[in-house]
Amino acid sequence: MSDLKQQFEDAVNFVQNGPGDFKPDNSLKLQFYALYKQATEGDVKGKKPGLTDFVGRAKYSAWESLKGMSSDKAMETYISKLDAFR
């Protein structure tokens, strides 16, 4: 496994299971979500959720905004955002 992939997996684990004092706001959570999806699945797929699905639509839009970003770049950005938050 590459060093970048290991660092990314460690960062994801921290974000998902981190200590109780790790409390990112909703905006940062949305950024982590979009970067994770871009790193693991590539460009957004599927139909944009309807207007009444506010959370689904926000997630879709955040992921869609990263269209064209490489998996490695998404992993690097995810790690750097976490490092900046800590």
Protein backbone atom coordinates (compact mmCIF):
# COMPACT_ATOMS: atom_id res chain seq x y z
CA MET A 1 0.00 0.00 0.00
CA SER A 2 1.30 3.44 -0.87
CA ASP A 3 2.24 5.90 1.84
CA LEU A 4 -0.42 8.36 0.62
CA LYS A 5 -3.15 5.72 0.76
CA GLN A 6 -2.12 4.72 4.29
CA GLN A 7 -2.10 8.35 5.44
CA PHE A 8 -5.53 8.83 3.85
CA GLU A 9 -6.96 5.74 5.55
CA ASP A 10 -5.55 6.93 8.89
CA ALA A 11 -7.10 10.37 8.35
CA VAL A 12 -10.48 8.85 7.42
CA ASN A 13 -10.37 6.66 10.51
CA PHE A 14 -9.64 9.71 12.67
CA VAL A 15 -12.49 11.72 11.15
CA GLN A 16 -14.97 8.85 11.54
CA ASN A 17 -13.84 7.60 14.97
CA GLY A 18 -11.80 10.46 16.38
CA PRO A 19 -11.68 11.63 19.96
CA GLY A 20 -14.65 13.36 21.54
CA ASP A 21 -13.02 16.77 21.24
CA PHE A 22 -12.93 16.49 17.43
CA LYS A 23 -16.01 18.47 16.43
CA PRO A 24 -15.87 19.78 12.86
CA ASP A 25 -18.75 22.01 11.77
CA ASN A 26 -21.20 20.89 9.09
CA SER A 27 -19.31 22.73 6.35
CA LEU A 28 -16.09 20.85 7.14
CA LYS A 29 -17.98 17.54 7.42
CA LEU A 30 -19.39 18.18 3.95
CA GLN A 31 -15.91 18.88 2.58
CA PHE A 32 -14.56 15.68 4.12
CA TYR A 33 -17.49 13.75 2.62
CA ALA A 34 -16.95 15.15 -0.88
CA LEU A 35 -13.19 14.58 -0.77
CA TYR A 36 -13.67 11.02 0.48
CA LYS A 37 -16.13 10.23 -2.33
CA GLN A 38 -13.86 11.81 -4.95
CA ALA A 39 -10.84 9.90 -3.64
CA THR A 40 -12.60 6.55 -3.47
CA GLU A 41 -15.14 6.68 -6.33
CA GLY A 42 -14.03 9.43 -8.71
CA ASP A 43 -16.41 11.92 -10.29
CA VAL A 44 -19.98 12.14 -9.04
CA LYS A 45 -22.43 9.61 -10.43
CA GLY A 46 -26.18 9.35 -10.51
CA LYS A 47 -28.99 11.83 -10.54
CA LYS A 48 -28.97 14.92 -8.33
CA PRO A 49 -31.43 14.49 -5.42
CA GLY A 50 -34.66 16.46 -5.49
CA LEU A 51 -35.18 19.89 -3.97
CA THR A 52 -36.76 18.49 -0.80
CA ASP A 53 -33.75 16.26 -0.03
CA PHE A 54 -31.62 19.04 1.42
CA VAL A 55 -28.86 16.85 2.87
CA GLY A 56 -28.61 14.61 -0.18
CA ARG A 57 -28.54 17.61 -2.48
CA ALA A 58 -25.82 19.34 -0.44
CA LYS A 59 -23.69 16.18 -0.47
CA TYR A 60 -24.18 15.71 -4.20
CA SER A 61 -23.30 19.36 -4.94
CA ALA A 62 -20.19 19.25 -2.76
CA TRP A 63 -18.98 16.09 -4.50
CA GLU A 64 -19.92 17.49 -7.92
CA SER A 65 -17.78 20.58 -7.26
CA LEU A 66 -14.69 18.34 -7.21
CA LYS A 67 -15.34 16.92 -10.70
CA GLY A 68 -12.06 16.22 -12.48
CA MET A 69 -9.93 16.14 -9.32
CA SER A 70 -7.66 13.10 -9.24
CA SER A 71 -7.94 10.50 -6.52
CA ASP A 72 -4.45 11.32 -5.23
CA LYS A 73 -5.21 15.06 -5.12
CA ALA A 74 -8.46 14.39 -3.22
CA MET A 75 -6.56 12.24 -0.70
CA GLU A 76 -3.88 14.91 -0.25
CA THR A 77 -6.50 17.62 0.24
CA TYR A 78 -8.43 15.49 2.76
CA ILE A 79 -5.24 14.92 4.79
CA SER A 80 -4.21 18.59 4.65
CA LYS A 81 -7.68 19.77 5.74
CA LEU A 82 -7.54 17.45 8.72
CA ASP A 83 -4.00 18.59 9.59
CA ALA A 84 -5.11 22.25 9.42
CA PHE A 85 -8.06 21.51 11.72
CA ARG A 86 -6.01 19.72 14.38
